[in-house]
């Protein structure tokens, strides 16, 4: 079984745009589909590889179904 499969993999994948950079690798992100504003934080791989996120960047997020006000930023889109 691949690493990302299993019964605990119930994430919601969405795309959005960063509107504000906050301390400690947190960002305010506006979602593309419904315009909702959530708090996004950088994933560990993005921190390790020092991927820079600036306001205005388009990002891909993984949101937990239990707390839809927070999301993990997993990819910076072109």
PDB file of N, CA and C in Angstrom:
ATOM      1  N   UNK A   1       0.844  -1.178   0.000  1.00  0.00           N
ATOM      2  CA  UNK A   1       0.000   0.000   0.000  1.00  0.00           C
ATOM      3  C   UNK A   1       0.896   1.251   0.000  1.00  0.00           C
ATOM      4  N   UNK A   2       0.652   2.211  -0.918  1.00  0.00           N
ATOM      5  CA  UNK A   2       1.443   3.445  -0.927  1.00  0.00           C
ATOM      6  C   UNK A   2       1.266   4.235   0.365  1.00  0.00           C
ATOM      7  N   UNK A   3       2.190   5.156   0.593  1.00  0.00           N
ATOM      8  CA  UNK A   3       2.205   5.903   1.853  1.00  0.00           C
ATOM      9  C   UNK A   3       0.954   6.742   2.069  1.00  0.00           C
ATOM     10  N   UNK A   4       0.403   7.343   1.011  1.00  0.00           N
ATOM     11  CA  UNK A   4      -0.700   8.289   1.186  1.00  0.00           C
ATOM     12  C   UNK A   4      -2.076   7.641   1.152  1.00  0.00           C
ATOM     13  N   UNK A   5      -2.156   6.308   1.070  1.00  0.00           N
ATOM     14  CA  UNK A   5      -3.450   5.663   1.035  1.00  0.00           C
ATOM     15  C   UNK A   5      -3.780   5.071   2.399  1.00  0.00           C
ATOM     16  N   UNK A   6      -5.053   4.917   2.668  1.00  0.00           N
ATOM     17  CA  UNK A   6      -5.485   4.355   3.934  1.00  0.00           C
ATOM     18  C   UNK A   6      -6.764   5.018   4.394  1.00  0.00           C
ATOM     19  N   UNK A   7      -7.295   4.531   5.508  1.00  0.00           N
ATOM     20  CA  UNK A   7      -8.565   5.065   5.970  1.00  0.00           C
ATOM     21  C   UNK A   7      -8.441   6.447   6.603  1.00  0.00           C
ATOM     22  N   UNK A   8      -7.235   6.853   6.987  1.00  0.00           N
ATOM     23  CA  UNK A   8      -7.054   8.156   7.622  1.00  0.00           C
ATOM     24  C   UNK A   8      -6.765   9.267   6.621  1.00  0.00           C
ATOM     25  N   UNK A   9      -6.741   8.961   5.330  1.00  0.00           N
ATOM     26  CA  UNK A   9      -6.440   9.968   4.319  1.00  0.00           C
ATOM     27  C   UNK A   9      -7.741  10.611   3.842  1.00  0.00           C
ATOM     28  N   UNK A  10      -8.297  11.522   4.650  1.00  0.00           N
ATOM     29  CA  UNK A  10      -9.555  12.177   4.325  1.00  0.00           C
ATOM     30  C   UNK A  10      -9.343  13.678   4.191  1.00  0.00           C
ATOM     31  N   UNK A  11      -8.359  14.094   3.412  1.00  0.00           N
ATOM     32  CA  UNK A  11      -8.079  15.514   3.259  1.00  0.00           C
ATOM     33  C   UNK A  11      -8.872  16.065   2.078  1.00  0.00           C
ATOM     34  N   UNK A  12      -9.143  17.369   2.145  1.00  0.00           N
ATOM     35  CA  UNK A  12      -9.815  18.085   1.072  1.00  0.00           C
ATOM     36  C   UNK A  12      -8.743  18.904   0.360  1.00  0.00           C
ATOM     37  N   UNK A  13      -8.594  18.710  -0.945  1.00  0.00           N
ATOM     38  CA  UNK A  13      -7.581  19.439  -1.704  1.00  0.00           C
ATOM     39  C   UNK A  13      -8.237  20.611  -2.421  1.00  0.00           C
ATOM     40  N   UNK A  14      -7.688  21.818  -2.186  1.00  0.00           N
ATOM     41  CA  UNK A  14      -8.210  23.037  -2.801  1.00  0.00           C
ATOM     42  C   UNK A  14      -7.052  23.921  -3.231  1.00  0.00           C
ATOM     43  N   UNK A  15      -7.382  24.904  -4.051  1.00  0.00           N
ATOM     44  CA  UNK A  15      -6.388  25.876  -4.494  1.00  0.00           C
ATOM     45  C   UNK A  15      -6.828  27.263  -4.061  1.00  0.00           C
ATOM     46  N   UNK A  16      -5.832  28.132  -3.837  1.00  0.00           N
ATOM     47  CA  UNK A  16      -6.135  29.486  -3.408  1.00  0.00           C
ATOM     48  C   UNK A  16      -4.993  30.430  -3.707  1.00  0.00           C
ATOM     49  N   UNK A  17      -5.154  31.676  -3.238  1.00  0.00           N
ATOM     50  CA  UNK A  17      -4.155  32.705  -3.466  1.00  0.00           C
ATOM     51  C   UNK A  17      -3.782  33.322  -2.128  1.00  0.00           C
ATOM     52  N   UNK A  18      -2.481  33.484  -1.892  1.00  0.00           N
ATOM     53  CA  UNK A  18      -1.974  34.063  -0.638  1.00  0.00           C
ATOM     54  C   UNK A  18      -2.231  35.561  -0.655  1.00  0.00           C
ATOM     55  N   UNK A  19      -2.839  36.072   0.416  1.00  0.00           N
ATOM     56  CA  UNK A  19      -3.089  37.511   0.484  1.00  0.00           C
ATOM     57  C   UNK A  19      -2.230  38.208   1.535  1.00  0.00           C
ATOM     58  N   UNK A  20      -1.717  37.442   2.520  1.00  0.00           N
ATOM     59  CA  UNK A  20      -0.903  38.064   3.560  1.00  0.00           C
ATOM     60  C   UNK A  20       0.038  37.033   4.164  1.00  0.00           C
ATOM     61  N   UNK A  21       1.292  37.450   4.388  1.00  0.00           N
ATOM     62  CA  UNK A  21       2.273  36.599   5.059  1.00  0.00           C
ATOM     63  C   UNK A  21       2.283  36.947   6.548  1.00  0.00           C
ATOM     64  N   UNK A  22       2.187  35.918   7.391  1.00  0.00           N
ATOM     65  CA  UNK A  22       2.178  36.079   8.838  1.00  0.00           C
ATOM     66  C   UNK A  22       3.452  35.451   9.410  1.00  0.00           C
ATOM     67  N   UNK A  23       3.779  35.689  10.676  1.00  0.00           N
ATOM     68  CA  UNK A  23       4.982  35.082  11.269  1.00  0.00           C
ATOM     69  C   UNK A  23       4.898  33.558  11.326  1.00  0.00           C
ATOM     70  N   UNK A  24       6.053  32.917  11.444  1.00  0.00           N
ATOM     71  CA  UNK A  24       6.203  31.472  11.617  1.00  0.00           C
ATOM     72  C   UNK A  24       5.629  30.652  10.463  1.00  0.00           C
ATOM     73  N   UNK A  25       5.840  31.109   9.242  1.00  0.00           N
ATOM     74  CA  UNK A  25       5.426  30.393   8.029  1.00  0.00           C
ATOM     75  C   UNK A  25       3.918  30.157   7.972  1.00  0.00           C
ATOM     76  N   UNK A  26       3.129  31.097   8.480  1.00  0.00           N
ATOM     77  CA  UNK A  26       1.674  31.070   8.348  1.00  0.00           C
ATOM     78  C   UNK A  26       1.265  32.103   7.307  1.00  0.00           C
ATOM     79  N   UNK A  27       0.164  31.847   6.624  1.00  0.00           N
ATOM     80  CA  UNK A  27      -0.310  32.735   5.566  1.00  0.00           C
ATOM     81  C   UNK A  27      -1.824  32.811   5.588  1.00  0.00           C
ATOM     82  N   UNK A  28      -2.365  33.970   5.203  1.00  0.00           N
ATOM     83  CA  UNK A  28      -3.802  34.082   4.961  1.00  0.00           C
ATOM     84  C   UNK A  28      -4.022  33.756   3.496  1.00  0.00           C
ATOM     85  N   UNK A  29      -4.935  32.817   3.241  1.00  0.00           N
ATOM     86  CA  UNK A  29      -5.181  32.336   1.885  1.00  0.00           C
ATOM     87  C   UNK A  29      -6.666  32.472   1.574  1.00  0.00           C
ATOM     88  N   UNK A  30      -6.977  32.990   0.377  1.00  0.00           N
ATOM     89  CA  UNK A  30      -8.356  33.050  -0.111  1.00  0.00           C
ATOM     90  C   UNK A  30      -8.539  31.896  -1.088  1.00  0.00           C
ATOM     91  N   UNK A  31      -9.543  31.055  -0.840  1.00  0.00           N
ATOM     92  CA  UNK A  31      -9.798  29.905  -1.710  1.00  0.00           C
ATOM     93  C   UNK A  31     -10.425  30.354  -3.023  1.00  0.00           C
ATOM     94  N   UNK A  32     -10.082  29.656  -4.114  1.00  0.00           N
ATOM     95  CA  UNK A  32     -10.577  30.026  -5.438  1.00  0.00           C
ATOM     96  C   UNK A  32     -12.059  29.736  -5.610  1.00  0.00           C
ATOM     97  N   UNK A  33     -12.528  28.596  -5.102  1.00  0.00           N
ATOM     98  CA  UNK A  33     -13.889  28.171  -5.423  1.00  0.00           C
ATOM     99  C   UNK A  33     -14.974  28.923  -4.662  1.00  0.00           C
ATOM    100  N   UNK A  34     -14.774  29.237  -3.372  1.00  0.00           N
ATOM    101  CA  UNK A  34     -15.839  29.893  -2.619  1.00  0.00           C
ATOM    102  C   UNK A  34     -15.439  31.234  -2.014  1.00  0.00           C
ATOM    103  N   UNK A  35     -14.196  31.674  -2.176  1.00  0.00           N
ATOM    104  CA  UNK A  35     -13.755  32.960  -1.656  1.00  0.00           C
ATOM    105  C   UNK A  35     -13.571  33.000  -0.155  1.00  0.00           C
ATOM    106  N   UNK A  36     -13.588  31.840   0.499  1.00  0.00           N
ATOM    107  CA  UNK A  36     -13.419  31.752   1.944  1.00  0.00           C
ATOM    108  C   UNK A  36     -11.961  32.027   2.310  1.00  0.00           C
ATOM    109  N   UNK A  37     -11.742  32.725   3.419  1.00  0.00           N
ATOM    110  CA  UNK A  37     -10.392  33.058   3.875  1.00  0.00           C
ATOM    111  C   UNK A  37      -9.992  32.098   4.984  1.00  0.00           C
ATOM    112  N   UNK A  38      -8.865  31.387   4.794  1.00  0.00           N
ATOM    113  CA  UNK A  38      -8.407  30.438   5.806  1.00  0.00           C
ATOM    114  C   UNK A  38      -6.949  30.712   6.147  1.00  0.00           C
ATOM    115  N   UNK A  39      -6.487  30.069   7.217  1.00  0.00           N
ATOM    116  CA  UNK A  39      -5.106  30.180   7.662  1.00  0.00           C
ATOM    117  C   UNK A  39      -4.324  28.996   7.105  1.00  0.00           C
ATOM    118  N   UNK A  40      -3.273  29.283   6.344  1.00  0.00           N
ATOM    119  CA  UNK A  40      -2.460  28.220   5.765  1.00  0.00           C
ATOM    120  C   UNK A  40      -1.078  28.212   6.387  1.00  0.00           C
ATOM    121  N   UNK A  41      -0.512  27.010   6.551  1.00  0.00           N
ATOM    122  CA  UNK A  41       0.852  26.903   7.061  1.00  0.00           C
ATOM    123  C   UNK A  41       1.653  26.012   6.131  1.00  0.00           C
ATOM    124  N   UNK A  42       2.957  26.229   6.074  1.00  0.00           N
ATOM    125  CA  UNK A  42       3.818  25.483   5.162  1.00  0.00           C
ATOM    126  C   UNK A  42       4.005  24.048   5.625  1.00  0.00           C
ATOM    127  N   UNK A  43       4.017  23.120   4.674  1.00  0.00           N
ATOM    128  CA  UNK A  43       4.290  21.725   5.001  1.00  0.00           C
ATOM    129  C   UNK A  43       5.781  21.560   5.285  1.00  0.00           C
ATOM    130  N   UNK A  44       6.128  20.462   5.891  1.00  0.00           N
ATOM    131  CA  UNK A  44       7.518  20.202   6.264  1.00  0.00           C
ATOM    132  C   UNK A  44       8.468  20.135   5.086  1.00  0.00           C
ATOM    133  N   UNK A  45       8.021  19.522   3.972  1.00  0.00           N
ATOM    134  CA  UNK A  45       8.882  19.422   2.783  1.00  0.00           C
ATOM    135  C   UNK A  45       9.178  20.801   2.205  1.00  0.00           C
ATOM    136  N   UNK A  46       8.188  21.698   2.238  1.00  0.00           N
ATOM    137  CA  UNK A  46       8.410  23.039   1.707  1.00  0.00           C
ATOM    138  C   UNK A  46       9.354  23.831   2.608  1.00  0.00           C
ATOM    139  N   UNK A  47       9.284  23.600   3.910  1.00  0.00           N
ATOM    140  CA  UNK A  47      10.221  24.261   4.823  1.00  0.00           C
ATOM    141  C   UNK A  47      11.640  23.733   4.618  1.00  0.00           C
ATOM    142  N   UNK A  48      11.766  22.389   4.481  1.00  0.00           N
ATOM    143  CA  UNK A  48      13.091  21.786   4.304  1.00  0.00           C
ATOM    144  C   UNK A  48      13.758  22.268   3.024  1.00  0.00           C
ATOM    145  N   UNK A  49      12.990  22.393   1.941  1.00  0.00           N
ATOM    146  CA  UNK A  49      13.547  22.817   0.657  1.00  0.00           C
ATOM    147  C   UNK A  49      13.538  24.324   0.475  1.00  0.00           C
ATOM    148  N   UNK A  50      13.135  25.046   1.510  1.00  0.00           N
ATOM    149  CA  UNK A  50      13.143  26.516   1.544  1.00  0.00           C
ATOM    150  C   UNK A  50      12.408  27.131   0.357  1.00  0.00           C
ATOM    151  N   UNK A  51      11.200  26.656   0.117  1.00  0.00           N
ATOM    152  CA  UNK A  51      10.353  27.221  -0.921  1.00  0.00           C
ATOM    153  C   UNK A  51       9.772  28.529  -0.401  1.00  0.00           C
ATOM    154  N   UNK A  52       9.979  29.610  -1.141  1.00  0.00           N
ATOM    155  CA  UNK A  52       9.520  30.921  -0.713  1.00  0.00           C
ATOM    156  C   UNK A  52       8.101  31.175  -1.210  1.00  0.00           C
ATOM    157  N   UNK A  53       7.237  31.593  -0.309  1.00  0.00           N
ATOM    158  CA  UNK A  53       5.864  31.949  -0.643  1.00  0.00           C
ATOM    159  C   UNK A  53       5.692  33.441  -0.367  1.00  0.00           C
ATOM    160  N   UNK A  54       5.182  34.163  -1.350  1.00  0.00           N
ATOM    161  CA  UNK A  54       4.955  35.599  -1.219  1.00  0.00           C
ATOM    162  C   UNK A  54       3.478  35.912  -1.429  1.00  0.00           C
ATOM    163  N   UNK A  55       3.000  37.048  -0.930  1.00  0.00           N
ATOM    164  CA  UNK A  55       1.610  37.428  -1.203  1.00  0.00           C
ATOM    165  C   UNK A  55       1.371  37.543  -2.710  1.00  0.00           C
ATOM    166  N   UNK A  56       0.263  36.982  -3.151  1.00  0.00           N
ATOM    167  CA  UNK A  56      -0.062  36.949  -4.574  1.00  0.00           C
ATOM    168  C   UNK A  56       0.207  35.607  -5.219  1.00  0.00           C
ATOM    169  N   UNK A  57       0.960  34.725  -4.560  1.00  0.00           N
ATOM    170  CA  UNK A  57       1.255  33.398  -5.118  1.00  0.00           C
ATOM    171  C   UNK A  57       0.020  32.511  -5.065  1.00  0.00           C
ATOM    172  N   UNK A  58      -0.137  31.664  -6.084  1.00  0.00           N
ATOM    173  CA  UNK A  58      -1.195  30.661  -6.083  1.00  0.00           C
ATOM    174  C   UNK A  58      -0.628  29.403  -5.442  1.00  0.00           C
ATOM    175  N   UNK A  59      -1.395  28.791  -4.539  1.00  0.00           N
ATOM    176  CA  UNK A  59      -0.928  27.627  -3.792  1.00  0.00           C
ATOM    177  C   UNK A  59      -1.988  26.530  -3.795  1.00  0.00           C
ATOM    178  N   UNK A  60      -1.531  25.304  -3.542  1.00  0.00           N
ATOM    179  CA  UNK A  60      -2.411  24.149  -3.377  1.00  0.00           C
ATOM    180  C   UNK A  60      -2.409  23.784  -1.899  1.00  0.00           C
ATOM    181  N   UNK A  61      -3.612  23.551  -1.343  1.00  0.00           N
ATOM    182  CA  UNK A  61      -3.753  23.282   0.089  1.00  0.00           C
ATOM    183  C   UNK A  61      -4.415  21.941   0.329  1.00  0.00           C
ATOM    184  N   UNK A  62      -4.098  21.363   1.483  1.00  0.00           N
ATOM    185  CA  UNK A  62      -4.799  20.190   1.991  1.00  0.00           C
ATOM    186  C   UNK A  62      -5.485  20.618   3.277  1.00  0.00           C
ATOM    187  N   UNK A  63      -6.807  20.464   3.318  1.00  0.00           N
ATOM    188  CA  UNK A  63      -7.607  20.916   4.454  1.00  0.00           C
ATOM    189  C   UNK A  63      -8.208  19.701   5.145  1.00  0.00           C
ATOM    190  N   UNK A  64      -8.139  19.675   6.470  1.00  0.00           N
ATOM    191  CA  UNK A  64      -8.745  18.599   7.238  1.00  0.00           C
ATOM    192  C   UNK A  64     -10.259  18.799   7.283  1.00  0.00           C
ATOM    193  N   UNK A  65     -11.030  17.723   7.180  1.00  0.00           N
ATOM    194  CA  UNK A  65     -12.486  17.882   7.268  1.00  0.00           C
ATOM    195  C   UNK A  65     -12.954  18.268   8.677  1.00  0.00           C
ATOM    196  N   UNK A  66     -12.101  18.137   9.677  1.00  0.00           N
ATOM    197  CA  UNK A  66     -12.474  18.455  11.054  1.00  0.00           C
ATOM    198  C   UNK A  66     -12.308  19.932  11.378  1.00  0.00           C
ATOM    199  N   UNK A  67     -11.307  20.583  10.777  1.00  0.00           N
ATOM    200  CA  UNK A  67     -11.072  22.011  10.999  1.00  0.00           C
ATOM    201  C   UNK A  67     -10.874  22.671   9.646  1.00  0.00           C
ATOM    202  N   UNK A  68     -11.935  23.242   9.097  1.00  0.00           N
ATOM    203  CA  UNK A  68     -11.859  23.822   7.756  1.00  0.00           C
ATOM    204  C   UNK A  68     -11.355  25.259   7.764  1.00  0.00           C
ATOM    205  N   UNK A  69     -10.902  25.752   8.898  1.00  0.00           N
ATOM    206  CA  UNK A  69     -10.339  27.091   8.986  1.00  0.00           C
ATOM    207  C   UNK A  69      -8.836  27.108   8.834  1.00  0.00           C
ATOM    208  N   UNK A  70      -8.223  25.917   8.797  1.00  0.00           N
ATOM    209  CA  UNK A  70      -6.775  25.791   8.656  1.00  0.00           C
ATOM    210  C   UNK A  70      -6.453  24.854   7.508  1.00  0.00           C
ATOM    211  N   UNK A  71      -5.315  25.081   6.864  1.00  0.00           N
ATOM    212  CA  UNK A  71      -4.904  24.209   5.782  1.00  0.00           C
ATOM    213  C   UNK A  71      -3.397  24.156   5.667  1.00  0.00           C
ATOM    214  N   UNK A  72      -2.886  23.025   5.156  1.00  0.00           N
ATOM    215  CA  UNK A  72      -1.450  22.854   4.958  1.00  0.00           C
ATOM    216  C   UNK A  72      -1.129  23.169   3.502  1.00  0.00           C
ATOM    217  N   UNK A  73      -0.198  24.105   3.280  1.00  0.00           N
ATOM    218  CA  UNK A  73       0.228  24.471   1.934  1.00  0.00           C
ATOM    219  C   UNK A  73       1.238  23.416   1.475  1.00  0.00           C
ATOM    220  N   UNK A  74       0.892  22.697   0.400  1.00  0.00           N
ATOM    221  CA  UNK A  74       1.742  21.612  -0.051  1.00  0.00           C
ATOM    222  C   UNK A  74       2.432  21.885  -1.385  1.00  0.00           C
ATOM    223  N   UNK A  75       1.983  22.920  -2.117  1.00  0.00           N
ATOM    224  CA  UNK A  75       2.581  23.167  -3.430  1.00  0.00           C
ATOM    225  C   UNK A  75       2.365  24.618  -3.826  1.00  0.00           C
ATOM    226  N   UNK A  76       3.381  25.236  -4.421  1.00  0.00           N
ATOM    227  CA  UNK A  76       3.252  26.580  -4.983  1.00  0.00           C
ATOM    228  C   UNK A  76       3.050  26.438  -6.471  1.00  0.00           C
ATOM    229  N   UNK A  77       1.928  26.926  -6.980  1.00  0.00           N
ATOM    230  CA  UNK A  77       1.600  26.806  -8.397  1.00  0.00           C
ATOM    231  C   UNK A  77       2.279  27.898  -9.203  1.00  0.00           C
ATOM    232  N   UNK A  78       2.390  27.661 -10.474  1.00  0.00           N
ATOM    233  CA  UNK A  78       3.046  28.627 -11.371  1.00  0.00           C
ATOM    234  C   UNK A  78       2.125  29.794 -11.662  1.00  0.00           C
TER     235      UNK A  78
END
